[in-house]
C-alpha atoms as a PDB file:
ATOM      1  CA  UNK A   1       0.000   0.000   0.000  1.00  0.00           C
ATOM      2  CA  UNK A   2       1.146   3.609  -0.580  1.00  0.00           C
ATOM      3  CA  UNK A   3       2.624   5.597   2.281  1.00  0.00           C
ATOM      4  CA  UNK A   4       0.359   7.762   4.456  1.00  0.00           C
ATOM      5  CA  UNK A   5       2.631   9.354   7.077  1.00  0.00           C
ATOM      6  CA  UNK A   6       5.288  11.948   6.233  1.00  0.00           C
ATOM      7  CA  UNK A   7       7.754  14.360   7.799  1.00  0.00           C
ATOM      8  CA  UNK A   8       9.293  17.318   5.981  1.00  0.00           C
ATOM      9  CA  UNK A   9      12.530  19.037   7.020  1.00  0.00           C
ATOM     10  CA  UNK A  10      13.237  22.402   5.428  1.00  0.00           C
ATOM     11  CA  UNK A  11       9.662  23.532   4.872  1.00  0.00           C
ATOM     12  CA  UNK A  12      10.685  26.951   3.579  1.00  0.00           C
ATOM     13  CA  UNK A  13       8.679  29.031   1.094  1.00  0.00           C
ATOM     14  CA  UNK A  14      10.406  27.749  -2.043  1.00  0.00           C
ATOM     15  CA  UNK A  15       9.775  24.001  -2.394  1.00  0.00           C
ATOM     16  CA  UNK A  16       9.472  22.518   1.114  1.00  0.00           C
ATOM     17  CA  UNK A  17       6.269  24.276   2.144  1.00  0.00           C
ATOM     18  CA  UNK A  18       4.731  23.550  -1.244  1.00  0.00           C
ATOM     19  CA  UNK A  19       5.429  19.847  -0.778  1.00  0.00           C
ATOM     20  CA  UNK A  20       3.734  20.041   2.631  1.00  0.00           C
ATOM     21  CA  UNK A  21       0.703  21.729   1.074  1.00  0.00           C
ATOM     22  CA  UNK A  22       0.534  19.169  -1.750  1.00  0.00           C
ATOM     23  CA  UNK A  23       0.667  16.283   0.730  1.00  0.00           C
ATOM     24  CA  UNK A  24      -1.960  17.836   3.005  1.00  0.00           C
ATOM     25  CA  UNK A  25      -4.271  18.231   0.011  1.00  0.00           C
ATOM     26  CA  UNK A  26      -4.093  14.454  -0.413  1.00  0.00           C
ATOM     27  CA  UNK A  27      -5.344  13.812   3.094  1.00  0.00           C
ATOM     28  CA  UNK A  28      -2.211  12.279   4.594  1.00  0.00           C
ATOM     29  CA  UNK A  29      -0.442  12.957   7.890  1.00  0.00           C
ATOM     30  CA  UNK A  30       2.382  15.508   7.682  1.00  0.00           C
ATOM     31  CA  UNK A  31       4.852  16.573  10.397  1.00  0.00           C
ATOM     32  CA  UNK A  32       7.016  19.637   9.764  1.00  0.00           C
ATOM     33  CA  UNK A  33      10.436  19.485  11.428  1.00  0.00           C
ATOM     34  CA  UNK A  34      11.326  23.136  12.030  1.00  0.00           C
ATOM     35  CA  UNK A  35      14.631  24.310  13.411  1.00  0.00           C
ATOM     36  CA  UNK A  36      14.585  26.571  16.496  1.00  0.00           C
ATOM     37  CA  UNK A  37      14.076  30.162  15.390  1.00  0.00           C
ATOM     38  CA  UNK A  38      12.632  29.238  12.014  1.00  0.00           C
ATOM     39  CA  UNK A  39      10.528  32.018  10.502  1.00  0.00           C
ATOM     40  CA  UNK A  40       8.784  29.663   8.085  1.00  0.00           C
ATOM     41  CA  UNK A  41       6.421  28.110  10.613  1.00  0.00           C
ATOM     42  CA  UNK A  42       3.809  30.843  10.139  1.00  0.00           C
ATOM     43  CA  UNK A  43       3.462  30.137   6.420  1.00  0.00           C
ATOM     44  CA  UNK A  44      -0.148  29.511   5.345  1.00  0.00           C
ATOM     45  CA  UNK A  45       1.217  26.707   3.166  1.00  0.00           C
ATOM     46  CA  UNK A  46       1.805  24.693   6.341  1.00  0.00           C
ATOM     47  CA  UNK A  47      -1.799  24.863   7.473  1.00  0.00           C
ATOM     48  CA  UNK A  48      -3.008  21.395   8.373  1.00  0.00           C
ATOM     49  CA  UNK A  49       0.438  20.056   9.232  1.00  0.00           C
ATOM     50  CA  UNK A  50       1.751  19.373  12.722  1.00  0.00           C
ATOM     51  CA  UNK A  51       4.754  21.636  13.350  1.00  0.00           C
ATOM     52  CA  UNK A  52       7.487  20.446  15.715  1.00  0.00           C
ATOM     53  CA  UNK A  53      10.612  22.409  16.595  1.00  0.00           C
ATOM     54  CA  UNK A  54      13.824  20.411  16.890  1.00  0.00           C
ATOM     55  CA  UNK A  55      17.539  20.797  16.281  1.00  0.00           C
ATOM     56  CA  UNK A  56      18.348  18.616  13.266  1.00  0.00           C
ATOM     57  CA  UNK A  57      21.655  17.655  14.920  1.00  0.00           C
ATOM     58  CA  UNK A  58      19.741  16.145  17.845  1.00  0.00           C
ATOM     59  CA  UNK A  59      19.512  12.600  16.518  1.00  0.00           C
ATOM     60  CA  UNK A  60      17.694  11.132  19.554  1.00  0.00           C
ATOM     61  CA  UNK A  61      15.252  14.059  19.570  1.00  0.00           C
ATOM     62  CA  UNK A  62      14.452  13.799  15.857  1.00  0.00           C
ATOM     63  CA  UNK A  63      14.169  10.003  15.971  1.00  0.00           C
ATOM     64  CA  UNK A  64      11.732  10.246  18.895  1.00  0.00           C
ATOM     65  CA  UNK A  65       9.496  12.626  16.932  1.00  0.00           C
ATOM     66  CA  UNK A  66       9.607  10.373  13.874  1.00  0.00           C
ATOM     67  CA  UNK A  67       8.869   7.263  15.916  1.00  0.00           C
ATOM     68  CA  UNK A  68       6.112   8.798  18.055  1.00  0.00           C
ATOM     69  CA  UNK A  69       4.314  10.005  14.917  1.00  0.00           C
ATOM     70  CA  UNK A  70       4.783   6.748  12.996  1.00  0.00           C
ATOM     71  CA  UNK A  71       6.512   8.583  10.151  1.00  0.00           C
ATOM     72  CA  UNK A  72       7.091   6.347   7.150  1.00  0.00           C
ATOM     73  CA  UNK A  73       8.740   8.854   4.789  1.00  0.00           C
ATOM     74  CA  UNK A  74      11.162  11.664   5.647  1.00  0.00           C
ATOM     75  CA  UNK A  75      11.498  14.370   2.994  1.00  0.00           C
ATOM     76  CA  UNK A  76      14.383  16.823   3.032  1.00  0.00           C
ATOM     77  CA  UNK A  77      13.926  20.137   1.241  1.00  0.00           C
ATOM     78  CA  UNK A  78      16.930  21.783   2.855  1.00  0.00           C
ATOM     79  CA  UNK A  79      18.721  24.513   0.941  1.00  0.00           C
ATOM     80  CA  UNK A  80      22.239  23.883  -0.326  1.00  0.00           C
ATOM     81  CA  UNK A  81      23.808  25.745   2.577  1.00  0.00           C
ATOM     82  CA  UNK A  82      22.078  23.472   5.084  1.00  0.00           C
ATOM     83  CA  UNK A  83      22.752  20.122   3.399  1.00  0.00           C
ATOM     84  CA  UNK A  84      25.161  19.038   6.140  1.00  0.00           C
ATOM     85  CA  UNK A  85      22.108  18.658   8.392  1.00  0.00           C
ATOM     86  CA  UNK A  86      20.891  15.783   6.233  1.00  0.00           C
ATOM     87  CA  UNK A  87      23.464  13.407   7.766  1.00  0.00           C
ATOM     88  CA  UNK A  88      22.024  13.463  11.310  1.00  0.00           C
ATOM     89  CA  UNK A  89      18.527  13.372   9.795  1.00  0.00           C
ATOM     90  CA  UNK A  90      19.471  10.124   8.052  1.00  0.00           C
ATOM     91  CA  UNK A  91      20.821   8.762  11.345  1.00  0.00           C
ATOM     92  CA  UNK A  92      17.526   9.670  13.021  1.00  0.00           C
ATOM     93  CA  UNK A  93      15.548   8.083  10.197  1.00  0.00           C
ATOM     94  CA  UNK A  94      17.432   4.837  10.634  1.00  0.00           C
ATOM     95  CA  UNK A  95      16.930   4.885  14.411  1.00  0.00           C
ATOM     96  CA  UNK A  96      13.189   5.468  13.954  1.00  0.00           C
ATOM     97  CA  UNK A  97      12.838   2.749  11.280  1.00  0.00           C
ATOM     98  CA  UNK A  98      11.680   5.269   8.663  1.00  0.00           C
ATOM     99  CA  UNK A  99      10.959   3.362   5.465  1.00  0.00           C
ATOM    100  CA  UNK A 100      12.005   5.932   2.838  1.00  0.00           C
ATOM    101  CA  UNK A 101      14.160   9.053   2.662  1.00  0.00           C
ATOM    102  CA  UNK A 102      13.679  11.688  -0.041  1.00  0.00           C
ATOM    103  CA  UNK A 103      16.849  13.822  -0.013  1.00  0.00           C
ATOM    104  CA  UNK A 104      17.061  17.414  -1.147  1.00  0.00           C
ATOM    105  CA  UNK A 105      17.813  16.968  -4.839  1.00  0.00           C
ATOM    106  CA  UNK A 106      15.216  18.866  -6.916  1.00  0.00           C
ATOM    107  CA  UNK A 107      17.757  20.125  -9.440  1.00  0.00           C
ATOM    108  CA  UNK A 108      20.357  18.790 -11.892  1.00  0.00           C
ATOM    109  CA  UNK A 109      21.355  15.103 -11.764  1.00  0.00           C
ATOM    110  CA  UNK A 110      23.956  14.354  -9.096  1.00  0.00           C
ATOM    111  CA  UNK A 111      24.258  10.562  -9.293  1.00  0.00           C
ATOM    112  CA  UNK A 112      27.819   9.685 -10.182  1.00  0.00           C
ATOM    113  CA  UNK A 113      29.360  13.007  -9.151  1.00  0.00           C
ATOM    114  CA  UNK A 114      32.619  12.555  -7.240  1.00  0.00           C
ATOM    115  CA  UNK A 115      33.841  16.143  -6.985  1.00  0.00           C
ATOM    116  CA  UNK A 116      32.493  19.677  -7.046  1.00  0.00           C
ATOM    117  CA  UNK A 117      29.974  21.295  -4.730  1.00  0.00           C
ATOM    118  CA  UNK A 118      27.067  19.077  -5.786  1.00  0.00           C
ATOM    119  CA  UNK A 119      28.975  15.862  -5.071  1.00  0.00           C
ATOM    120  CA  UNK A 120      27.717  16.380  -1.506  1.00  0.00           C
ATOM    121  CA  UNK A 121      24.279  15.270  -2.648  1.00  0.00           C
ATOM    122  CA  UNK A 122      25.552  12.110  -4.305  1.00  0.00           C
ATOM    123  CA  UNK A 123      27.654  11.267  -1.261  1.00  0.00           C
ATOM    124  CA  UNK A 124      24.686  11.741   1.055  1.00  0.00           C
ATOM    125  CA  UNK A 125      22.514   9.341  -0.920  1.00  0.00           C
ATOM    126  CA  UNK A 126      25.263   6.749  -0.667  1.00  0.00           C
ATOM    127  CA  UNK A 127      25.507   7.364   3.083  1.00  0.00           C
ATOM    128  CA  UNK A 128      21.775   6.899   3.608  1.00  0.00           C
ATOM    129  CA  UNK A 129      21.850   3.659   1.643  1.00  0.00           C
ATOM    130  CA  UNK A 130      24.784   2.454   3.760  1.00  0.00           C
ATOM    131  CA  UNK A 131      22.492   2.844   6.772  1.00  0.00           C
ATOM    132  CA  UNK A 132      19.912   0.638   5.116  1.00  0.00           C
ATOM    133  CA  UNK A 133      17.514   3.532   4.484  1.00  0.00           C
ATOM    134  CA  UNK A 134      16.076   3.455   0.935  1.00  0.00           C
ATOM    135  CA  UNK A 135      16.371   6.706  -1.033  1.00  0.00           C
ATOM    136  CA  UNK A 136      14.127   8.317  -3.652  1.00  0.00           C
ATOM    137  CA  UNK A 137      15.781  10.963  -5.847  1.00  0.00           C
ATOM    138  CA  UNK A 138      13.852  13.439  -7.972  1.00  0.00           C
ATOM    139  CA  UNK A 139      15.574  15.603 -10.601  1.00  0.00           C
ATOM    140  CA  UNK A 140      13.669  18.509 -12.128  1.00  0.00           C
ATOM    141  CA  UNK A 141      16.290  20.838 -13.582  1.00  0.00           C
ATOM    142  CA  UNK A 142      15.817  24.480 -12.596  1.00  0.00           C
ATOM    143  CA  UNK A 143      12.649  25.859 -11.051  1.00  0.00           C
ATOM    144  CA  UNK A 144      11.028  28.029 -13.709  1.00  0.00           C
ATOM    145  CA  UNK A 145      10.395  30.736 -11.119  1.00  0.00           C
ATOM    146  CA  UNK A 146      14.188  31.049 -10.630  1.00  0.00           C
ATOM    147  CA  UNK A 147      14.898  32.144 -14.214  1.00  0.00           C
ATOM    148  CA  UNK A 148      14.729  35.909 -13.458  1.00  0.00           C
ATOM    149  CA  UNK A 149      17.180  35.386 -10.570  1.00  0.00           C
ATOM    150  CA  UNK A 150      19.444  33.199 -12.696  1.00  0.00           C
ATOM    151  CA  UNK A 151      19.726  35.853 -15.412  1.00  0.00           C
ATOM    152  CA  UNK A 152      19.666  38.993 -13.220  1.00  0.00           C
ATOM    153  CA  UNK A 153      16.544  40.352 -14.894  1.00  0.00           C
ATOM    154  CA  UNK A 154      16.106  42.784 -12.004  1.00  0.00           C
ATOM    155  CA  UNK A 155      19.028  44.755 -13.477  1.00  0.00           C
ATOM    156  CA  UNK A 156      16.978  45.460 -16.594  1.00  0.00           C
ATOM    157  CA  UNK A 157      18.645  42.969 -18.920  1.00  0.00           C
ATOM    158  CA  UNK A 158      18.660  39.204 -19.484  1.00  0.00           C
ATOM    159  CA  UNK A 159      22.269  38.355 -18.637  1.00  0.00           C
ATOM    160  CA  UNK A 160      23.890  35.346 -20.285  1.00  0.00           C
ATOM    161  CA  UNK A 161      27.375  34.017 -19.672  1.00  0.00           C
ATOM    162  CA  UNK A 162      28.635  33.427 -23.190  1.00  0.00           C
ATOM    163  CA  UNK A 163      26.423  31.502 -25.584  1.00  0.00           C
ATOM    164  CA  UNK A 164      23.684  29.404 -23.978  1.00  0.00           C
ATOM    165  CA  UNK A 165      22.236  27.172 -26.690  1.00  0.00           C
ATOM    166  CA  UNK A 166      22.148  23.843 -24.828  1.00  0.00           C
ATOM    167  CA  UNK A 167      18.614  22.581 -24.111  1.00  0.00           C
ATOM    168  CA  UNK A 168      17.892  22.474 -20.388  1.00  0.00           C
ATOM    169  CA  UNK A 169      15.144  21.226 -18.101  1.00  0.00           C
ATOM    170  CA  UNK A 170      12.812  23.643 -16.321  1.00  0.00           C
ATOM    171  CA  UNK A 171       9.928  22.722 -14.017  1.00  0.00           C
ATOM    172  CA  UNK A 172       7.563  24.904 -11.998  1.00  0.00           C
ATOM    173  CA  UNK A 173       7.523  24.755  -8.208  1.00  0.00           C
ATOM    174  CA  UNK A 174       3.909  23.604  -8.173  1.00  0.00           C
ATOM    175  CA  UNK A 175       4.605  20.837 -10.672  1.00  0.00           C
ATOM    176  CA  UNK A 176       7.564  19.572  -8.641  1.00  0.00           C
ATOM    177  CA  UNK A 177       5.717  19.613  -5.324  1.00  0.00           C
ATOM    178  CA  UNK A 178       2.629  18.090  -6.900  1.00  0.00           C
ATOM    179  CA  UNK A 179       4.670  15.313  -8.479  1.00  0.00           C
ATOM    180  CA  UNK A 180       6.385  14.505  -5.180  1.00  0.00           C
ATOM    181  CA  UNK A 181       3.039  14.258  -3.388  1.00  0.00           C
ATOM    182  CA  UNK A 182       1.494  12.263  -6.224  1.00  0.00           C
ATOM    183  CA  UNK A 183       4.044   9.471  -6.428  1.00  0.00           C
ATOM    184  CA  UNK A 184       4.544   9.226  -2.658  1.00  0.00           C
ATOM    185  CA  UNK A 185       0.828   8.783  -2.001  1.00  0.00           C
ATOM    186  CA  UNK A 186      -0.016   6.719  -5.096  1.00  0.00           C
ATOM    187  CA  UNK A 187       2.856   4.378  -5.882  1.00  0.00           C
ATOM    188  CA  UNK A 188       3.763   1.263  -3.876  1.00  0.00           C
ATOM    189  CA  UNK A 189       7.068   1.258  -1.974  1.00  0.00           C
ATOM    190  CA  UNK A 190       8.573  -1.073  -4.571  1.00  0.00           C
ATOM    191  CA  UNK A 191       8.356   1.760  -7.143  1.00  0.00           C
ATOM    192  CA  UNK A 192       9.981   4.276  -4.810  1.00  0.00           C
ATOM    193  CA  UNK A 193      12.795   2.554  -2.923  1.00  0.00           C
ATOM    194  CA  UNK A 194      16.222   3.474  -4.351  1.00  0.00           C
ATOM    195  CA  UNK A 195      14.498   4.871  -7.433  1.00  0.00           C
ATOM    196  CA  UNK A 196      15.226   7.981  -9.495  1.00  0.00           C
ATOM    197  CA  UNK A 197      12.600  10.054 -11.301  1.00  0.00           C
ATOM    198  CA  UNK A 198      13.560  12.651 -13.898  1.00  0.00           C
ATOM    199  CA  UNK A 199      10.837  15.203 -14.591  1.00  0.00           C
ATOM    200  CA  UNK A 200      10.694  18.174 -16.936  1.00  0.00           C
ATOM    201  CA  UNK A 201       8.004  20.793 -17.373  1.00  0.00           C
ATOM    202  CA  UNK A 202       9.693  22.485 -20.320  1.00  0.00           C
ATOM    203  CA  UNK A 203      12.814  21.823 -22.389  1.00  0.00           C
ATOM    204  CA  UNK A 204      14.333  25.009 -23.723  1.00  0.00           C
ATOM    205  CA  UNK A 205      17.671  26.816 -23.880  1.00  0.00           C
ATOM    206  CA  UNK A 206      18.496  30.026 -22.053  1.00  0.00           C
ATOM    207  CA  UNK A 207      18.992  31.682 -25.463  1.00  0.00           C
ATOM    208  CA  UNK A 208      15.414  30.779 -26.411  1.00  0.00           C
ATOM    209  CA  UNK A 209      14.102  32.100 -23.099  1.00  0.00           C
ATOM    210  CA  UNK A 210      16.030  35.294 -23.713  1.00  0.00           C
ATOM    211  CA  UNK A 211      14.250  35.644 -27.054  1.00  0.00           C
ATOM    212  CA  UNK A 212      10.917  35.418 -25.210  1.00  0.00           C
ATOM    213  CA  UNK A 213      12.004  38.222 -22.886  1.00  0.00           C
ATOM    214  CA  UNK A 214      13.039  40.390 -25.839  1.00  0.00           C
ATOM    215  CA  UNK A 215       9.660  39.795 -27.491  1.00  0.00           C
ATOM    216  CA  UNK A 216       7.641  40.800 -24.432  1.00  0.00           C
ATOM    217  CA  UNK A 217       6.250  44.267 -23.807  1.00  0.00           C
ATOM    218  CA  UNK A 218       8.207  46.077 -22.550  1.00  0.00           C
ATOM    219  CA  UNK A 219      11.140  44.055 -23.874  1.00  0.00           C
ATOM    220  CA  UNK A 220      14.067  42.930 -21.730  1.00  0.00           C
ATOM    221  CA  UNK A 221      17.204  42.939 -23.912  1.00  0.00           C
ATOM    222  CA  UNK A 222      19.596  39.999 -23.867  1.00  0.00           C
ATOM    223  CA  UNK A 223      23.267  40.699 -23.160  1.00  0.00           C
ATOM    224  CA  UNK A 224      26.070  38.167 -23.609  1.00  0.00           C
ATOM    225  CA  UNK A 225      28.950  38.602 -21.217  1.00  0.00           C
ATOM    226  CA  UNK A 226      32.296  36.998 -20.439  1.00  0.00           C
ATOM    227  CA  UNK A 227      31.597  37.641 -16.770  1.00  0.00           C
ATOM    228  CA  UNK A 228      28.321  38.147 -14.925  1.00  0.00           C
ATOM    229  CA  UNK A 229      27.955  41.204 -12.659  1.00  0.00           C
ATOM    230  CA  UNK A 230      29.751  41.188  -9.318  1.00  0.00           C
ATOM    231  CA  UNK A 231      27.919  39.271  -6.620  1.00  0.00           C
ATOM    232  CA  UNK A 232      26.356  36.773  -9.014  1.00  0.00           C
ATOM    233  CA  UNK A 233      28.592  33.849  -8.084  1.00  0.00           C
ATOM    234  CA  UNK A 234      25.851  31.230  -7.808  1.00  0.00           C
ATOM    235  CA  UNK A 235      24.389  32.297 -11.127  1.00  0.00           C
ATOM    236  CA  UNK A 236      27.848  32.094 -12.700  1.00  0.00           C
ATOM    237  CA  UNK A 237      28.285  28.539 -11.433  1.00  0.00           C
ATOM    238  CA  UNK A 238      24.892  27.460 -12.750  1.00  0.00           C
ATOM    239  CA  UNK A 239      25.223  29.163 -16.126  1.00  0.00           C
ATOM    240  CA  UNK A 240      28.568  27.414 -16.577  1.00  0.00           C
ATOM    241  CA  UNK A 241      26.756  24.112 -16.060  1.00  0.00           C
ATOM    242  CA  UNK A 242      24.018  25.214 -18.481  1.00  0.00           C
ATOM    243  CA  UNK A 243      26.630  25.803 -21.177  1.00  0.00           C
ATOM    244  CA  UNK A 244      27.940  22.256 -20.625  1.00  0.00           C
ATOM    245  CA  UNK A 245      24.454  20.773 -21.038  1.00  0.00           C
ATOM    246  CA  UNK A 246      24.346  19.509 -17.446  1.00  0.00           C
ATOM    247  CA  UNK A 247      21.054  21.235 -16.609  1.00  0.00           C
ATOM    248  CA  UNK A 248      19.157  18.705 -18.682  1.00  0.00           C
ATOM    249  CA  UNK A 249      17.792  16.071 -16.319  1.00  0.00           C
ATOM    250  CA  UNK A 250      18.738  13.577 -18.996  1.00  0.00           C
ATOM    251  CA  UNK A 251      22.405  14.222 -18.201  1.00  0.00           C
ATOM    252  CA  UNK A 252      24.403  11.119 -17.224  1.00  0.00           C
ATOM    253  CA  UNK A 253      27.361  11.912 -14.964  1.00  0.00           C
ATOM    254  CA  UNK A 254      28.888   8.478 -15.500  1.00  0.00           C
ATOM    255  CA  UNK A 255      29.036   8.842 -19.280  1.00  0.00           C
ATOM    256  CA  UNK A 256      29.432  12.634 -19.336  1.00  0.00           C
ATOM    257  CA  UNK A 257      26.665  13.293 -21.858  1.00  0.00           C
ATOM    258  CA  UNK A 258      23.001  14.130 -22.174  1.00  0.00           C
ATOM    259  CA  UNK A 259      20.333  11.609 -23.078  1.00  0.00           C
ATOM    260  CA  UNK A 260      17.362  13.820 -24.061  1.00  0.00           C
ATOM    261  CA  UNK A 261      15.026  10.830 -24.232  1.00  0.00           C
ATOM    262  CA  UNK A 262      15.511  10.326 -20.486  1.00  0.00           C
ATOM    263  CA  UNK A 263      14.895  13.944 -19.505  1.00  0.00           C
ATOM    264  CA  UNK A 264      11.140  13.687 -19.052  1.00  0.00           C
ATOM    265  CA  UNK A 265      11.044   9.952 -18.406  1.00  0.00           C
ATOM    266  CA  UNK A 266       9.404  10.462 -15.024  1.00  0.00           C
ATOM    267  CA  UNK A 267       6.555  12.602 -16.390  1.00  0.00           C
ATOM    268  CA  UNK A 268       4.561   9.537 -17.342  1.00  0.00           C
ATOM    269  CA  UNK A 269       4.272   8.646 -13.658  1.00  0.00           C
ATOM    270  CA  UNK A 270       1.749  11.504 -13.340  1.00  0.00           C
ATOM    271  CA  UNK A 271      -0.691  10.394 -15.986  1.00  0.00           C
ATOM    272  CA  UNK A 272      -2.937  13.118 -17.389  1.00  0.00           C
ATOM    273  CA  UNK A 273      -1.054  15.982 -15.729  1.00  0.00           C
ATOM    274  CA  UNK A 274      -0.510  19.149 -17.773  1.00  0.00           C
ATOM    275  CA  UNK A 275       3.012  20.410 -17.107  1.00  0.00           C
ATOM    276  CA  UNK A 276       3.511  24.186 -17.039  1.00  0.00           C
ATOM    277  CA  UNK A 277       5.855  25.818 -19.554  1.00  0.00           C
ATOM    278  CA  UNK A 278       8.313  28.667 -19.067  1.00  0.00           C
ATOM    279  CA  UNK A 279       6.077  30.949 -21.113  1.00  0.00           C
ATOM    280  CA  UNK A 280       3.040  30.154 -18.929  1.00  0.00           C
ATOM    281  CA  UNK A 281       4.722  30.524 -15.551  1.00  0.00           C
ATOM    282  CA  UNK A 282       6.596  33.735 -16.354  1.00  0.00           C
ATOM    283  CA  UNK A 283       3.846  35.269 -18.452  1.00  0.00           C
ATOM    284  CA  UNK A 284       6.050  35.667 -21.528  1.00  0.00           C
END
């Protein structure tokens, strides 16, 4: 039977709280694990969930909460800067006999990475498996809502680092959260344990998105640069990966190439769903 009891760590306003909302809408039990001092607990997206405050590093404390609430699935939606907290969460999940762990992926494929900042995600999945805790990974490319941030549109131009013609995967926040809730509450454990789903709402290059911005009214001109403006370090890192083709969720880190036919392979798991496009979400 599908799972019915969930806990979410990192229920912030980007993806975590939306996953909570999507699960609640399906009538299942949801516990939010909030860190002391979290400002996200007042979010209306968490309405209907039980909110518990706990230090993620407190393994006995977290495991007690998970056990007392009969949590079957622990979902991590922690931001990149907080990923180190996933290790004690995995320890707590093992101690509480949690049946499935969904780590904070929700981006470009990380399986097979051995170096670089995102290798942390691949290493964590291996660690959780070493504990005997099954893992479900979901890759979705870049959240469509992040495109203005990625290209510094707030500065009045659509900033691109060099030429950006490689097709990439983009998926809306609501589609990602809805997909997570759908498969976790519909599919049997055998379809989730140590599985990977690759989803894609739209497949388009940054150059093509830039053309949409230039065609809007008022237009936002595209500028190609050798260096993005100062302070845009994260965007520089990501746009470098875009240029390499790694932001397609069909990318295979073992073989070092993209397999476009795999990019939306997980979409079929949500039969009948209409995936939102970049043009729809951004109003272009």
